[in-house]
Amino acid sequence: MVTIKCGNIKFPNIQAILFDKNGTLEDSETYLRSLAQRGARLIDAQIPGIGEPLLMAFGINGNNLDPAGLISVASRRETEVAAAAYIAETGRGWFESLEIARQALDEAEKYIGRTPSPLFVGSLEVLKYLRERGLKLGILSAATTQEVRKFVADHQLSDYIQLEMGVDEGPSKPDPILFVQACQALGVEPSTTLMVGDSVGDMQMARNAKAAGCIGITWVGKSENVQGADVVIHQLEEIQILEA
């Protein structure tokens, strides 16, 4: 076990750290904005007039992405359901609405392509630093498990990441069961595990799971996006291990 220091806050007896993916390790803003814009356009082509309200729901304002918005923090299933709710308001049946939303997002993903989003500067070095000092590291994301595995493979992180966990069927963030399950998979207790994320949902999930601590990271400088964090950082290099 080690003591982690962030700013003036110390977290003793830490065995593991769980990281969110989008907005924490991965600079996915361009991809998510393009996904939302393309998906909204595809749905608007079938149901004229719905595109702009959908973009607002997704968290897109002009060419700006809200890091606390739907497309940034929700699971894929939640995004489909939210889009389907707007479609259903036009008089379409619920199952038809869900299918339209799913197909549009699938097609948008294919159109955008699979060029990997970059890691935030310093992410690789921090993961290597923490792993070399004996910590167990995992990714717990609202993206699908398949997307998490692809992210790890694309950036060759398998030497540092022991758990690749996303949201597929079942609960999503901020349900604390996800954090508990991730800890079980790593063979550690929540009380010895830190959460590093960029959303209120990450903080709520970890806190309700009785995590050792919640580290909120805000690359965009908006501390309100990580309300509930024990400490707020602006780059991953601020996570330091105190040497014995």
C-alpha atoms as a PDB file:
ATOM      1  CA  MET A   1       0.000   0.000   0.000  1.00  0.00           C
ATOM      2  CA  VAL A   2       1.101   3.557  -0.668  1.00  0.00           C
ATOM      3  CA  THR A   3       0.123   7.094   0.250  1.00  0.00           C
ATOM      4  CA  ILE A   4      -1.128   9.230  -2.644  1.00  0.00           C
ATOM      5  CA  LYS A   5      -0.771  13.001  -2.462  1.00  0.00           C
ATOM      6  CA  CYS A   6      -2.720  15.523  -4.560  1.00  0.00           C
ATOM      7  CA  GLY A   7      -2.190  19.135  -3.621  1.00  0.00           C
ATOM      8  CA  ASN A   8      -2.608  19.324   0.145  1.00  0.00           C
ATOM      9  CA  ILE A   9      -4.651  16.133   0.366  1.00  0.00           C
ATOM     10  CA  LYS A  10      -3.147  12.759   1.299  1.00  0.00           C
ATOM     11  CA  PHE A  11      -4.791   9.375   0.766  1.00  0.00           C
ATOM     12  CA  PRO A  12      -3.061   6.664   2.862  1.00  0.00           C
ATOM     13  CA  ASN A  13      -3.152   2.901   2.395  1.00  0.00           C
ATOM     14  CA  ILE A  14      -3.990   2.894  -1.313  1.00  0.00           C
ATOM     15  CA  GLN A  15      -3.785  -0.331  -3.331  1.00  0.00           C
ATOM     16  CA  ALA A  16      -5.579   0.631  -6.557  1.00  0.00           C
ATOM     17  CA  ILE A  17      -6.763   3.522  -8.699  1.00  0.00           C
ATOM     18  CA  LEU A  18      -9.712   3.428 -11.096  1.00  0.00           C
ATOM     19  CA  PHE A  19      -9.768   5.937 -13.946  1.00  0.00           C
ATOM     20  CA  ASP A  20     -12.629   7.148 -16.075  1.00  0.00           C
ATOM     21  CA  LYS A  21     -11.803   7.146 -19.811  1.00  0.00           C
ATOM     22  CA  ASN A  22     -13.506   9.974 -21.757  1.00  0.00           C
ATOM     23  CA  GLY A  23     -12.302  13.335 -20.518  1.00  0.00           C
ATOM     24  CA  THR A  24      -9.931  11.806 -17.977  1.00  0.00           C
ATOM     25  CA  LEU A  25      -7.325   9.750 -19.843  1.00  0.00           C
ATOM     26  CA  GLU A  26      -8.657  10.283 -23.357  1.00  0.00           C
ATOM     27  CA  ASP A  27      -9.043  13.660 -25.075  1.00  0.00           C
ATOM     28  CA  SER A  28     -12.281  12.621 -26.767  1.00  0.00           C
ATOM     29  CA  GLU A  29     -13.865  16.060 -27.249  1.00  0.00           C
ATOM     30  CA  THR A  30     -13.527  16.128 -31.051  1.00  0.00           C
ATOM     31  CA  TYR A  31     -14.864  12.597 -31.433  1.00  0.00           C
ATOM     32  CA  LEU A  32     -17.850  13.109 -29.116  1.00  0.00           C
ATOM     33  CA  ARG A  33     -18.785  16.428 -30.703  1.00  0.00           C
ATOM     34  CA  SER A  34     -18.646  14.883 -34.173  1.00  0.00           C
ATOM     35  CA  LEU A  35     -20.683  11.879 -33.016  1.00  0.00           C
ATOM     36  CA  ALA A  36     -23.412  14.103 -31.588  1.00  0.00           C
ATOM     37  CA  GLN A  37     -23.533  16.377 -34.631  1.00  0.00           C
ATOM     38  CA  ARG A  38     -23.621  13.541 -37.143  1.00  0.00           C
ATOM     39  CA  GLY A  39     -26.191  11.560 -35.140  1.00  0.00           C
ATOM     40  CA  ALA A  40     -28.461  14.575 -34.816  1.00  0.00           C
ATOM     41  CA  ARG A  41     -28.240  15.283 -38.550  1.00  0.00           C
ATOM     42  CA  LEU A  42     -29.114  11.686 -39.436  1.00  0.00           C
ATOM     43  CA  ILE A  43     -32.168  11.740 -37.183  1.00  0.00           C
ATOM     44  CA  ASP A  44     -33.173  15.178 -38.464  1.00  0.00           C
ATOM     45  CA  ALA A  45     -33.091  13.813 -42.035  1.00  0.00           C
ATOM     46  CA  GLN A  46     -35.865  11.393 -41.053  1.00  0.00           C
ATOM     47  CA  ILE A  47     -37.725  13.715 -38.686  1.00  0.00           C
ATOM     48  CA  PRO A  48     -37.152  17.344 -39.799  1.00  0.00           C
ATOM     49  CA  GLY A  49     -36.855  19.885 -37.009  1.00  0.00           C
ATOM     50  CA  ILE A  50     -35.563  17.533 -34.329  1.00  0.00           C
ATOM     51  CA  GLY A  51     -31.871  18.126 -34.977  1.00  0.00           C
ATOM     52  CA  GLU A  52     -31.372  21.321 -32.973  1.00  0.00           C
ATOM     53  CA  PRO A  53     -33.227  20.141 -29.862  1.00  0.00           C
ATOM     54  CA  LEU A  54     -31.230  16.908 -30.000  1.00  0.00           C
ATOM     55  CA  LEU A  55     -27.947  18.791 -30.153  1.00  0.00           C
ATOM     56  CA  MET A  56     -28.935  20.771 -27.075  1.00  0.00           C
ATOM     57  CA  ALA A  57     -29.864  17.539 -25.303  1.00  0.00           C
ATOM     58  CA  PHE A  58     -26.522  16.013 -26.254  1.00  0.00           C
ATOM     59  CA  GLY A  59     -24.698  19.005 -24.783  1.00  0.00           C
ATOM     60  CA  ILE A  60     -23.639  20.725 -28.021  1.00  0.00           C
ATOM     61  CA  ASN A  61     -23.860  24.513 -28.221  1.00  0.00           C
ATOM     62  CA  GLY A  62     -22.624  25.760 -31.573  1.00  0.00           C
ATOM     63  CA  ASN A  63     -19.289  24.017 -31.916  1.00  0.00           C
ATOM     64  CA  ASN A  64     -18.759  23.665 -28.174  1.00  0.00           C
ATOM     65  CA  LEU A  65     -19.100  20.438 -26.206  1.00  0.00           C
ATOM     66  CA  ASP A  66     -20.359  20.569 -22.624  1.00  0.00           C
ATOM     67  CA  PRO A  67     -18.052  18.221 -20.671  1.00  0.00           C
ATOM     68  CA  ALA A  68     -20.937  17.612 -18.265  1.00  0.00           C
ATOM     69  CA  GLY A  69     -23.465  17.027 -21.057  1.00  0.00           C
ATOM     70  CA  LEU A  70     -25.212  13.848 -22.124  1.00  0.00           C
ATOM     71  CA  ILE A  71     -22.873  12.767 -24.921  1.00  0.00           C
ATOM     72  CA  SER A  72     -19.857  13.335 -22.661  1.00  0.00           C
ATOM     73  CA  VAL A  73     -20.862  11.386 -19.561  1.00  0.00           C
ATOM     74  CA  ALA A  74     -23.780   9.064 -20.359  1.00  0.00           C
ATOM     75  CA  SER A  75     -23.524   5.442 -21.416  1.00  0.00           C
ATOM     76  CA  ARG A  76     -24.336   4.507 -24.998  1.00  0.00           C
ATOM     77  CA  ARG A  77     -27.650   3.015 -23.888  1.00  0.00           C
ATOM     78  CA  GLU A  78     -28.603   6.169 -21.994  1.00  0.00           C
ATOM     79  CA  THR A  79     -27.763   8.288 -25.039  1.00  0.00           C
ATOM     80  CA  GLU A  80     -29.986   6.110 -27.238  1.00  0.00           C
ATOM     81  CA  VAL A  81     -32.864   6.329 -24.761  1.00  0.00           C
ATOM     82  CA  ALA A  82     -32.550  10.112 -24.455  1.00  0.00           C
ATOM     83  CA  ALA A  83     -32.553  10.542 -28.237  1.00  0.00           C
ATOM     84  CA  ALA A  84     -35.480   8.149 -28.548  1.00  0.00           C
ATOM     85  CA  ALA A  85     -37.485  10.227 -26.077  1.00  0.00           C
ATOM     86  CA  TYR A  86     -37.182  13.257 -28.379  1.00  0.00           C
ATOM     87  CA  ILE A  87     -38.152  11.127 -31.367  1.00  0.00           C
ATOM     88  CA  ALA A  88     -41.159   9.691 -29.529  1.00  0.00           C
ATOM     89  CA  GLU A  89     -42.443  13.219 -28.862  1.00  0.00           C
ATOM     90  CA  THR A  90     -43.099  13.509 -32.609  1.00  0.00           C
ATOM     91  CA  GLY A  91     -45.652  10.697 -32.424  1.00  0.00           C
ATOM     92  CA  ARG A  92     -43.458   7.711 -33.281  1.00  0.00           C
ATOM     93  CA  GLY A  93     -43.877   4.517 -31.290  1.00  0.00           C
ATOM     94  CA  TRP A  94     -41.360   3.858 -28.547  1.00  0.00           C
ATOM     95  CA  PHE A  95     -39.690   0.808 -30.077  1.00  0.00           C
ATOM     96  CA  GLU A  96     -39.474   2.524 -33.463  1.00  0.00           C
ATOM     97  CA  SER A  97     -37.974   5.575 -31.752  1.00  0.00           C
ATOM     98  CA  LEU A  98     -35.334   3.449 -30.036  1.00  0.00           C
ATOM     99  CA  GLU A  99     -34.423   1.779 -33.312  1.00  0.00           C
ATOM    100  CA  ILE A 100     -34.099   5.101 -35.143  1.00  0.00           C
ATOM    101  CA  ALA A 101     -31.816   6.415 -32.408  1.00  0.00           C
ATOM    102  CA  ARG A 102     -29.688   3.266 -32.342  1.00  0.00           C
ATOM    103  CA  GLN A 103     -29.266   3.133 -36.106  1.00  0.00           C
ATOM    104  CA  ALA A 104     -28.389   6.830 -36.317  1.00  0.00           C
ATOM    105  CA  LEU A 105     -25.690   6.553 -33.652  1.00  0.00           C
ATOM    106  CA  ASP A 106     -24.315   3.361 -35.229  1.00  0.00           C
ATOM    107  CA  GLU A 107     -24.134   5.042 -38.632  1.00  0.00           C
ATOM    108  CA  ALA A 108     -22.600   8.174 -37.127  1.00  0.00           C
ATOM    109  CA  GLU A 109     -19.835   6.091 -35.541  1.00  0.00           C
ATOM    110  CA  LYS A 110     -19.076   4.395 -38.861  1.00  0.00           C
ATOM    111  CA  TYR A 111     -19.055   7.725 -40.705  1.00  0.00           C
ATOM    112  CA  ILE A 112     -16.689   9.381 -38.238  1.00  0.00           C
ATOM    113  CA  GLY A 113     -14.316   6.443 -38.494  1.00  0.00           C
ATOM    114  CA  ARG A 114     -12.153   4.765 -35.935  1.00  0.00           C
ATOM    115  CA  THR A 115      -9.161   7.067 -35.689  1.00  0.00           C
ATOM    116  CA  PRO A 116      -8.262   6.829 -31.993  1.00  0.00           C
ATOM    117  CA  SER A 117      -8.736   9.930 -29.868  1.00  0.00           C
ATOM    118  CA  PRO A 118      -5.424  10.996 -28.317  1.00  0.00           C
ATOM    119  CA  LEU A 119      -4.389  10.512 -24.733  1.00  0.00           C
ATOM    120  CA  PHE A 120      -4.206  13.663 -22.671  1.00  0.00           C
ATOM    121  CA  VAL A 121      -0.626  14.835 -22.359  1.00  0.00           C
ATOM    122  CA  GLY A 122       1.147  12.975 -19.577  1.00  0.00           C
ATOM    123  CA  SER A 123      -1.410  10.173 -19.200  1.00  0.00           C
ATOM    124  CA  LEU A 124       0.898   7.385 -20.340  1.00  0.00           C
ATOM    125  CA  GLU A 125       3.744   8.537 -18.124  1.00  0.00           C
ATOM    126  CA  VAL A 126       1.484   8.750 -15.060  1.00  0.00           C
ATOM    127  CA  LEU A 127       0.030   5.267 -15.632  1.00  0.00           C
ATOM    128  CA  LYS A 128       3.542   3.850 -15.995  1.00  0.00           C
ATOM    129  CA  TYR A 129       4.742   5.687 -12.875  1.00  0.00           C
ATOM    130  CA  LEU A 130       1.850   4.417 -10.749  1.00  0.00           C
ATOM    131  CA  ARG A 131       2.039   0.853 -12.027  1.00  0.00           C
ATOM    132  CA  GLU A 132       5.799   0.597 -11.490  1.00  0.00           C
ATOM    133  CA  ARG A 133       5.220   1.452  -7.843  1.00  0.00           C
ATOM    134  CA  GLY A 134       2.910  -1.495  -7.369  1.00  0.00           C
ATOM    135  CA  LEU A 135      -0.542   0.023  -7.684  1.00  0.00           C
ATOM    136  CA  LYS A 136      -3.303  -1.871  -9.439  1.00  0.00           C
ATOM    137  CA  LEU A 137      -4.867   0.267 -12.161  1.00  0.00           C
ATOM    138  CA  GLY A 138      -8.180  -0.035 -13.948  1.00  0.00           C
ATOM    139  CA  ILE A 139     -10.478   1.849 -16.272  1.00  0.00           C
ATOM    140  CA  LEU A 140     -14.141   2.188 -15.296  1.00  0.00           C
ATOM    141  CA  SER A 141     -15.974   4.025 -18.058  1.00  0.00           C
ATOM    142  CA  ALA A 142     -19.516   4.805 -19.161  1.00  0.00           C
ATOM    143  CA  ALA A 143     -18.390   3.712 -22.631  1.00  0.00           C
ATOM    144  CA  THR A 144     -18.946   0.070 -23.582  1.00  0.00           C
ATOM    145  CA  THR A 145     -16.445  -2.545 -22.474  1.00  0.00           C
ATOM    146  CA  GLN A 146     -15.564  -3.100 -26.123  1.00  0.00           C
ATOM    147  CA  GLU A 147     -14.712   0.598 -26.482  1.00  0.00           C
ATOM    148  CA  VAL A 148     -12.569   0.477 -23.334  1.00  0.00           C
ATOM    149  CA  ARG A 149     -10.666  -2.556 -24.641  1.00  0.00           C
ATOM    150  CA  LYS A 150     -10.117  -0.823 -27.975  1.00  0.00           C
ATOM    151  CA  PHE A 151      -8.834   2.273 -26.189  1.00  0.00           C
ATOM    152  CA  VAL A 152      -6.331   0.193 -24.201  1.00  0.00           C
ATOM    153  CA  ALA A 153      -5.212  -1.652 -27.342  1.00  0.00           C
ATOM    154  CA  ASP A 154      -4.957   1.499 -29.486  1.00  0.00           C
ATOM    155  CA  HIS A 155      -2.694   3.210 -26.970  1.00  0.00           C
ATOM    156  CA  GLN A 156      -0.820   0.059 -25.886  1.00  0.00           C
ATOM    157  CA  LEU A 157      -1.771   0.396 -22.234  1.00  0.00           C
ATOM    158  CA  SER A 158      -2.138  -3.296 -21.403  1.00  0.00           C
ATOM    159  CA  ASP A 159       1.141  -3.330 -19.440  1.00  0.00           C
ATOM    160  CA  TYR A 160      -0.334  -0.779 -17.044  1.00  0.00           C
ATOM    161  CA  ILE A 161      -4.096  -1.433 -16.956  1.00  0.00           C
ATOM    162  CA  GLN A 162      -5.323  -4.555 -15.174  1.00  0.00           C
ATOM    163  CA  LEU A 163      -9.069  -3.909 -15.578  1.00  0.00           C
ATOM    164  CA  GLU A 164     -10.960  -2.763 -18.679  1.00  0.00           C
ATOM    165  CA  MET A 165     -14.562  -2.196 -17.607  1.00  0.00           C
ATOM    166  CA  GLY A 166     -17.366  -0.354 -19.354  1.00  0.00           C
ATOM    167  CA  VAL A 167     -21.135  -0.159 -19.139  1.00  0.00           C
ATOM    168  CA  ASP A 168     -22.998  -2.665 -21.281  1.00  0.00           C
ATOM    169  CA  GLU A 169     -26.274  -4.027 -19.961  1.00  0.00           C
ATOM    170  CA  GLY A 170     -27.321  -3.254 -16.422  1.00  0.00           C
ATOM    171  CA  PRO A 171     -26.496  -0.310 -14.147  1.00  0.00           C
ATOM    172  CA  SER A 172     -24.591   2.772 -15.245  1.00  0.00           C
ATOM    173  CA  LYS A 173     -22.828   5.574 -13.430  1.00  0.00           C
ATOM    174  CA  PRO A 174     -23.343   6.803 -10.745  1.00  0.00           C
ATOM    175  CA  ASP A 175     -24.556   3.426  -9.412  1.00  0.00           C
ATOM    176  CA  PRO A 176     -21.946   2.438  -6.768  1.00  0.00           C
ATOM    177  CA  ILE A 177     -22.280  -1.253  -7.673  1.00  0.00           C
ATOM    178  CA  LEU A 178     -20.055  -0.554 -10.682  1.00  0.00           C
ATOM    179  CA  PHE A 179     -17.219   0.638  -8.450  1.00  0.00           C
ATOM    180  CA  VAL A 180     -17.704  -2.316  -6.108  1.00  0.00           C
ATOM    181  CA  GLN A 181     -17.636  -4.771  -9.015  1.00  0.00           C
ATOM    182  CA  ALA A 182     -14.495  -3.151 -10.413  1.00  0.00           C
ATOM    183  CA  CYS A 183     -12.760  -3.467  -7.054  1.00  0.00           C
ATOM    184  CA  GLN A 184     -13.795  -7.114  -6.783  1.00  0.00           C
ATOM    185  CA  ALA A 185     -12.350  -7.778 -10.232  1.00  0.00           C
ATOM    186  CA  LEU A 186      -9.052  -6.196  -9.164  1.00  0.00           C
ATOM    187  CA  GLY A 187      -9.029  -8.072  -5.858  1.00  0.00           C
ATOM    188  CA  VAL A 188      -9.070  -4.945  -3.693  1.00  0.00           C
ATOM    189  CA  GLU A 189     -11.469  -3.241  -1.303  1.00  0.00           C
ATOM    190  CA  PRO A 190     -13.210   0.048  -2.180  1.00  0.00           C
ATOM    191  CA  SER A 191     -11.706   1.485   1.004  1.00  0.00           C
ATOM    192  CA  THR A 192      -8.216   1.104  -0.508  1.00  0.00           C
ATOM    193  CA  THR A 193      -9.161   2.328  -3.988  1.00  0.00           C
ATOM    194  CA  LEU A 194      -9.229   5.840  -5.452  1.00  0.00           C
ATOM    195  CA  MET A 195     -11.458   7.084  -8.282  1.00  0.00           C
ATOM    196  CA  VAL A 196     -10.133   9.583 -10.834  1.00  0.00           C
ATOM    197  CA  GLY A 197     -12.806  11.083 -13.086  1.00  0.00           C
ATOM    198  CA  ASP A 198     -14.100  14.219 -14.745  1.00  0.00           C
ATOM    199  CA  SER A 199     -17.796  14.116 -13.844  1.00  0.00           C
ATOM    200  CA  VAL A 200     -20.133  14.447 -10.883  1.00  0.00           C
ATOM    201  CA  GLY A 201     -21.282  10.895 -11.636  1.00  0.00           C
ATOM    202  CA  ASP A 202     -17.765   9.552 -11.077  1.00  0.00           C
ATOM    203  CA  MET A 203     -17.573  11.314  -7.731  1.00  0.00           C
ATOM    204  CA  GLN A 204     -21.034  10.179  -6.583  1.00  0.00           C
ATOM    205  CA  MET A 205     -20.382   6.590  -7.624  1.00  0.00           C
ATOM    206  CA  ALA A 206     -17.112   6.318  -5.751  1.00  0.00           C
ATOM    207  CA  ARG A 207     -18.310   8.155  -2.663  1.00  0.00           C
ATOM    208  CA  ASN A 208     -21.406   5.978  -2.333  1.00  0.00           C
ATOM    209  CA  ALA A 209     -19.234   2.884  -2.772  1.00  0.00           C
ATOM    210  CA  LYS A 210     -17.118   4.019   0.216  1.00  0.00           C
ATOM    211  CA  ALA A 211     -14.018   4.575  -1.890  1.00  0.00           C
ATOM    212  CA  ALA A 212     -10.777   5.731  -0.296  1.00  0.00           C
ATOM    213  CA  GLY A 213     -11.162   9.019  -2.116  1.00  0.00           C
ATOM    214  CA  CYS A 214     -12.407  10.876  -5.172  1.00  0.00           C
ATOM    215  CA  ILE A 215     -10.011  12.832  -7.379  1.00  0.00           C
ATOM    216  CA  GLY A 216     -11.734  15.126  -9.832  1.00  0.00           C
ATOM    217  CA  ILE A 217      -9.804  16.125 -12.922  1.00  0.00           C
ATOM    218  CA  THR A 218     -10.900  19.062 -15.015  1.00  0.00           C
ATOM    219  CA  TRP A 219      -8.688  19.721 -18.004  1.00  0.00           C
ATOM    220  CA  VAL A 220     -11.116  22.499 -18.990  1.00  0.00           C
ATOM    221  CA  GLY A 221     -10.876  24.231 -15.606  1.00  0.00           C
ATOM    222  CA  LYS A 222     -14.506  23.828 -14.500  1.00  0.00           C
ATOM    223  CA  SER A 223     -14.471  22.560 -10.928  1.00  0.00           C
ATOM    224  CA  GLU A 224     -18.274  22.383 -10.820  1.00  0.00           C
ATOM    225  CA  ASN A 225     -18.074  19.428 -13.223  1.00  0.00           C
ATOM    226  CA  VAL A 226     -16.485  17.359 -10.444  1.00  0.00           C
ATOM    227  CA  GLN A 227     -18.518  18.583  -7.498  1.00  0.00           C
ATOM    228  CA  GLY A 228     -18.116  16.154  -4.603  1.00  0.00           C
ATOM    229  CA  ALA A 229     -14.437  15.459  -5.255  1.00  0.00           C
ATOM    230  CA  ASP A 230     -12.061  15.339  -2.288  1.00  0.00           C
ATOM    231  CA  VAL A 231      -9.514  17.203  -4.385  1.00  0.00           C
ATOM    232  CA  VAL A 232      -9.568  18.776  -7.859  1.00  0.00           C
ATOM    233  CA  ILE A 233      -6.582  18.535 -10.193  1.00  0.00           C
ATOM    234  CA  HIS A 234      -5.952  19.972 -13.652  1.00  0.00           C
ATOM    235  CA  GLN A 235      -3.426  17.445 -14.909  1.00  0.00           C
ATOM    236  CA  LEU A 236      -2.700  13.845 -14.017  1.00  0.00           C
ATOM    237  CA  GLU A 237       0.894  14.624 -13.004  1.00  0.00           C
ATOM    238  CA  GLU A 238      -0.553  16.083  -9.811  1.00  0.00           C
ATOM    239  CA  ILE A 239      -1.138  12.515  -8.594  1.00  0.00           C
ATOM    240  CA  GLN A 240       2.032  11.721  -6.633  1.00  0.00           C
ATOM    241  CA  ILE A 241       3.193   8.861  -4.443  1.00  0.00           C
ATOM    242  CA  LEU A 242       4.815   9.808  -1.148  1.00  0.00           C
ATOM    243  CA  GLU A 243       7.988   7.793  -0.766  1.00  0.00           C
ATOM    244  CA  ALA A 244       8.444   6.026   2.545  1.00  0.00           C
END
